[in-house]
Protein backbone atom coordinates (compact mmCIF):
# COMPACT_ATOMS: atom_id res chain seq x y z
CA MET A 1 -10.11 5.01 -26.84
CA SER A 2 -11.63 3.21 -23.89
CA VAL A 3 -9.56 3.41 -20.71
CA PRO A 4 -9.53 1.31 -17.55
CA LYS A 5 -11.95 2.61 -14.93
CA GLU A 6 -9.88 1.59 -11.89
CA ILE A 7 -7.49 -1.03 -10.60
CA GLY A 8 -9.74 -3.93 -9.64
CA HIS A 9 -7.69 -6.13 -7.34
CA LEU A 10 -4.26 -7.59 -6.65
CA VAL A 11 -3.41 -11.27 -6.45
CA LEU A 12 -0.35 -12.47 -4.53
CA ASN A 13 1.20 -15.90 -4.43
CA VAL A 14 2.15 -16.60 -0.80
CA THR A 15 3.88 -19.45 1.00
CA ASP A 16 1.24 -19.77 3.75
CA VAL A 17 -2.30 -18.59 2.95
CA GLN A 18 -3.49 -18.74 6.57
CA ARG A 19 -0.49 -16.77 7.91
CA SER A 20 -0.81 -14.14 5.17
CA THR A 21 -4.58 -13.89 5.64
CA GLN A 22 -4.12 -13.26 9.35
CA PHE A 23 -1.47 -10.61 8.61
CA TYR A 24 -3.53 -8.73 6.03
CA ARG A 25 -6.68 -8.99 8.19
CA ASP A 26 -5.34 -8.42 11.70
CA VAL A 27 -2.39 -6.12 11.02
CA VAL A 28 -3.15 -4.27 7.77
CA GLY A 29 -6.92 -4.11 8.36
CA PHE A 30 -8.60 -5.95 5.49
CA GLN A 31 -11.78 -7.98 5.99
CA LEU A 32 -12.00 -11.59 4.86
CA SER A 33 -14.68 -12.04 2.19
CA ARG A 34 -13.97 -15.67 1.25
CA MET A 35 -11.60 -18.47 2.23
CA ARG A 36 -11.37 -21.40 -0.16
CA PRO A 37 -12.50 -24.55 1.68
CA ASN A 38 -9.24 -26.34 0.85
CA GLY A 39 -7.16 -23.41 2.18
CA SER A 40 -5.52 -22.70 -1.17
CA GLY A 41 -6.74 -19.12 -1.39
CA ALA A 42 -8.30 -16.21 0.41
CA PHE A 43 -10.09 -13.10 -0.79
CA LEU A 44 -9.98 -9.90 1.25
CA THR A 45 -11.82 -6.62 0.95
CA CYS A 46 -11.49 -3.05 2.16
CA GLY A 47 -15.22 -3.32 2.89
CA VAL A 48 -16.81 -1.93 -0.26
CA VAL A 49 -16.27 -4.36 -3.16
CA HIS A 50 -16.20 -8.17 -3.22
CA HIS A 51 -12.39 -8.27 -3.04
CA ASN A 52 -9.41 -5.96 -3.32
CA LEU A 53 -6.73 -8.55 -2.54
CA ALA A 54 -6.48 -12.28 -3.22
CA LEU A 55 -3.90 -14.57 -1.65
CA PHE A 56 -3.12 -17.84 -3.44
CA LYS A 57 -0.90 -20.68 -2.29
CA ALA A 58 2.33 -20.46 -4.29
CA PRO A 59 3.36 -23.62 -6.16
CA GLU A 60 5.93 -25.84 -4.46
CA GLY A 61 9.44 -24.63 -5.17
CA ALA A 62 8.35 -21.10 -6.06
CA GLN A 63 11.13 -18.60 -5.49
CA PRO A 64 10.51 -15.22 -3.84
CA ALA A 65 10.91 -12.11 -5.96
CA GLN A 66 14.24 -10.36 -5.55
CA ARG A 67 14.31 -6.68 -4.65
CA GLY A 68 14.90 -4.54 -7.72
CA GLN A 69 13.98 -7.17 -10.29
CA ILE A 70 11.79 -6.38 -13.26
CA GLY A 71 8.11 -6.47 -12.35
CA LEU A 72 6.07 -5.20 -9.46
CA ASN A 73 7.99 -2.90 -7.11
CA HIS A 74 5.31 -2.55 -4.42
CA PHE A 75 1.64 -1.88 -4.04
CA ALA A 76 -0.19 0.64 -1.88
CA PHE A 77 -3.43 0.90 0.03
CA LYS A 78 -4.96 4.14 1.20
CA VAL A 79 -6.04 4.74 4.78
CA GLU A 80 -8.50 7.40 5.89
CA SER A 81 -6.21 9.86 7.66
CA TYR A 82 -2.79 10.54 9.14
CA THR A 83 -4.10 9.29 12.48
CA ALA A 84 -5.19 6.04 10.80
CA LEU A 85 -1.71 5.75 9.24
CA GLN A 86 -0.12 6.21 12.68
CA GLU A 87 -2.42 3.50 14.09
CA ALA A 88 -1.54 1.14 11.23
CA TYR A 89 2.14 1.77 11.88
CA GLY A 90 1.59 0.79 15.52
CA ARG A 91 -0.01 -2.51 14.46
CA LEU A 92 2.88 -3.22 12.09
CA VAL A 93 5.42 -2.62 14.85
CA GLU A 94 3.45 -4.77 17.27
CA ALA A 95 3.34 -7.58 14.67
CA GLN A 96 7.11 -7.19 14.18
CA ALA A 97 6.71 -6.44 10.48
CA THR A 98 9.83 -5.10 8.77
CA ILE A 99 9.41 -1.36 8.24
CA ASP A 100 11.34 -0.37 5.11
CA HIS A 101 10.88 3.40 5.19
CA ILE A 102 8.45 6.16 6.16
CA VAL A 103 8.23 9.22 3.93
CA ASP A 104 6.31 12.33 2.95
CA HIS A 105 5.77 12.41 -0.83
CA GLY A 106 4.04 15.80 -0.67
CA MET A 107 0.66 14.56 -1.88
CA THR A 108 0.79 11.51 0.43
CA ARG A 109 2.44 10.33 3.65
CA SER A 110 3.53 6.69 3.45
CA VAL A 111 4.70 3.73 5.50
CA TYR A 112 6.49 1.07 3.44
CA PHE A 113 6.85 -2.40 4.95
CA LEU A 114 7.31 -6.07 4.10
CA ASP A 115 4.60 -8.70 4.45
CA PRO A 116 5.35 -12.21 5.82
CA ASP A 117 6.72 -13.29 2.41
CA GLY A 118 8.89 -10.19 2.02
CA ILE A 119 6.54 -8.50 -0.46
CA GLU A 120 6.82 -4.73 -0.18
CA MET A 121 3.61 -2.85 0.57
CA GLU A 122 2.73 0.75 1.26
CA LEU A 123 0.02 2.20 3.45
CA PHE A 124 -0.60 5.88 2.77
CA CYS A 125 -2.88 8.77 3.54
CA ASP A 126 -3.59 11.73 1.29
CA THR A 127 -2.14 15.09 2.25
CA PHE A 128 -4.67 17.25 0.41
CA ASP A 129 -8.42 17.48 0.92
CA THR A 130 -9.26 16.60 -2.68
CA GLU A 131 -7.94 14.26 -5.36
CA ALA A 132 -7.68 17.27 -7.70
CA GLU A 133 -5.27 19.04 -5.31
CA GLY A 134 -3.14 15.90 -4.98
CA LEU A 135 -2.96 15.54 -8.75
CA ALA A 136 -2.08 19.22 -9.17
CA PHE A 137 0.80 18.80 -6.68
CA MET A 138 1.99 15.65 -8.47
CA LYS A 139 2.03 17.37 -11.86
CA ALA A 140 3.78 20.49 -10.52
CA THR A 141 6.70 18.88 -8.65
CA PRO A 142 9.65 16.64 -9.58
CA GLY A 143 8.88 14.18 -6.78
CA GLN A 144 10.08 13.78 -3.22
CA ALA A 145 10.46 11.17 -0.52
CA THR A 146 11.35 13.10 2.62
CA PRO A 147 11.76 10.88 5.70
CA ILE A 148 9.28 11.71 8.48
CA ASP A 149 8.71 10.70 12.10
CA ILE A 150 5.36 8.94 11.93
CA LEU A 151 4.92 9.31 15.70
CA ALA A 152 5.12 13.12 15.49
CA PRO A 153 2.09 15.33 14.74
CA GLU A 154 1.07 15.50 11.11
CA PRO A 155 3.38 17.72 9.02
CA VAL A 156 2.03 20.92 7.51
CA ARG A 157 0.49 20.47 4.07
CA PRO A 158 2.76 21.83 1.31
CA ALA A 159 1.76 24.57 -1.09
CA ILE A 160 1.04 23.58 -4.67
CA PRO A 161 3.81 25.30 -6.69
CA ALA A 162 3.77 26.42 -10.28
CA GLY A 163 5.47 23.84 -12.45
CA ASP A 164 4.88 21.18 -15.07
CA TYR A 165 6.44 17.73 -14.82
CA THR A 166 4.07 16.01 -17.26
CA THR A 167 6.29 15.96 -20.37
CA VAL A 168 7.81 12.71 -21.58
CA GLY A 169 11.23 12.86 -23.25
């Protein structure tokens, strides 16, 4: 069976394309790769591919998603390091973004926040040096979301325990 290679990009409907573009560029750290001449859409990149995020003007009368409804819960973007995550947190606070929660998942440390339209996002950094170690931790643990003080020094990396949480049913 063929399988997807990667997640290509996310597209959000927003109430104000310019406001959201400025937020995702100036606060979150994306780069603008294209703005539609009529202002109805923007395409942003993490700097490697043509676009990772697209922002489209929502139709008139569109209703915001309600927390907990069926569909997308949140989406996440990876930053380079814990220091970069701390810096991003500082920009979010300065921009008066709503911080939802800040947690240590074991394989990642994460800052969850709301964008200008109330869409939940996550910025995270990896805890382990390799993707293989992060996956091994994920498979071996039942999951965690331990609150952390993002302004404190980086927590110690956890050990990868023996365990198997990969069975369905």
